Amino acid sequence: MEITGKHSICLKDRKDMRIDGVTEVVSFDDRYVMLRTQCGDMAIEGKDLKIAVLEIDAGIVVLSGTVSGVYYSDEQSKEKRSFLKRLLS
């Protein structure tokens, strides 16, 4: 996968998270947020997650809540997607 832009995350005290380089919000609820970023698919796992800022045109997502895990997948194969799906089920 060729990375064409910049991607960064900033997590403060496991409570507030800013993600830059987001191209799409795939799905979200209070326990999981699935994003597509310039560095691949990203899954954020946590508790009481809320999207505080959503500026897809600027590539910015800001989350609040308790973050317990951040996972990336840059492979688009069925096996990788199935793994990520099982992980988040």
Protein backbone atom coordinates (compact mmCIF):
# COMPACT_ATOMS: atom_id res chain seq x y z
CA MET A 1 0.00 0.00 0.00
CA GLU A 2 1.40 3.37 -1.00
CA ILE A 3 0.96 6.12 1.57
CA THR A 4 0.11 9.39 -0.16
CA GLY A 5 -0.55 11.71 2.77
CA LYS A 6 0.11 12.17 6.44
CA HIS A 7 -1.51 10.24 9.26
CA SER A 8 -1.09 10.78 12.97
CA ILE A 9 -2.79 10.00 16.25
CA CYS A 10 -2.57 11.82 19.55
CA LEU A 11 -3.96 10.11 22.65
CA LYS A 12 -4.13 11.97 25.96
CA ASP A 13 -4.65 9.98 29.17
CA ARG A 14 -6.47 7.26 27.18
CA LYS A 15 -9.47 9.62 27.15
CA ASP A 16 -9.12 12.06 24.25
CA MET A 17 -7.86 11.01 20.83
CA ARG A 18 -7.23 13.06 17.70
CA ILE A 19 -6.68 11.22 14.42
CA ASP A 20 -5.42 13.02 11.30
CA GLY A 21 -5.36 11.50 7.84
CA VAL A 22 -8.84 9.93 8.04
CA THR A 23 -10.50 9.31 4.68
CA GLU A 24 -13.70 7.58 5.86
CA VAL A 25 -15.61 6.60 8.99
CA VAL A 26 -16.63 3.00 8.27
CA SER A 27 -18.67 2.42 11.44
CA PHE A 28 -18.87 3.46 15.06
CA ASP A 29 -20.66 2.82 18.32
CA ASP A 30 -19.78 3.35 21.97
CA ARG A 31 -17.28 0.42 21.99
CA TYR A 32 -15.68 0.41 18.51
CA VAL A 33 -14.78 2.97 15.88
CA MET A 34 -13.69 1.74 12.46
CA LEU A 35 -11.86 4.25 10.26
CA ARG A 36 -10.14 4.20 6.91
CA THR A 37 -6.94 6.27 7.05
CA GLN A 38 -4.16 7.11 4.67
CA CYS A 39 -2.13 4.35 6.38
CA GLY A 40 -4.79 1.63 6.20
CA ASP A 41 -7.88 0.57 8.11
CA MET A 42 -7.89 1.50 11.78
CA ALA A 43 -10.02 0.11 14.61
CA ILE A 44 -10.30 1.81 17.98
CA GLU A 45 -11.67 -0.22 20.86
CA GLY A 46 -12.86 1.30 24.11
CA LYS A 47 -15.69 2.28 26.40
CA ASP A 48 -18.15 5.18 26.10
CA LEU A 49 -16.55 6.28 22.81
CA LYS A 50 -18.04 9.37 21.19
CA ILE A 51 -17.06 11.24 18.06
CA ALA A 52 -16.56 14.83 19.27
CA VAL A 53 -15.27 16.26 15.96
CA LEU A 54 -15.79 14.86 12.47
CA GLU A 55 -14.18 16.80 9.62
CA ILE A 56 -13.69 14.26 6.84
CA ASP A 57 -12.84 16.97 4.29
CA ALA A 58 -9.90 17.95 6.52
CA GLY A 59 -9.21 14.30 7.51
CA ILE A 60 -9.77 14.94 11.23
CA VAL A 61 -11.63 12.83 13.79
CA VAL A 62 -11.58 13.56 17.52
CA LEU A 63 -12.85 10.92 19.95
CA SER A 64 -13.66 11.04 23.65
CA GLY A 65 -14.13 8.07 26.00
CA THR A 66 -11.75 5.45 27.33
CA VAL A 67 -9.49 3.93 24.65
CA SER A 68 -8.34 0.37 25.33
CA GLY A 69 -6.85 -0.57 21.96
CA VAL A 70 -5.84 0.70 18.52
CA TYR A 71 -5.43 -1.74 15.64
CA TYR A 72 -4.34 -1.30 12.02
CA SER A 73 -4.89 -3.44 8.96
CA ASP A 74 -3.45 -2.41 5.61
CA GLU A 75 -4.27 -5.63 3.81
CA GLN A 76 -7.56 -5.77 1.94
CA SER A 77 -7.65 -9.55 1.59
CA LYS A 78 -10.61 -11.56 2.90
CA GLU A 79 -8.43 -13.24 5.51
CA LYS A 80 -7.29 -9.93 7.02
CA ARG A 81 -10.79 -8.46 6.90
CA SER A 82 -12.16 -11.60 8.57
CA PHE A 83 -9.52 -11.37 11.30
CA LEU A 84 -10.37 -7.74 11.99
CA LYS A 85 -14.08 -8.53 11.93
CA ARG A 86 -13.59 -11.43 14.41
CA LEU A 87 -11.41 -9.23 16.60
CA LEU A 88 -14.11 -6.61 16.87
CA SER A 89 -17.08 -8.95 17.25
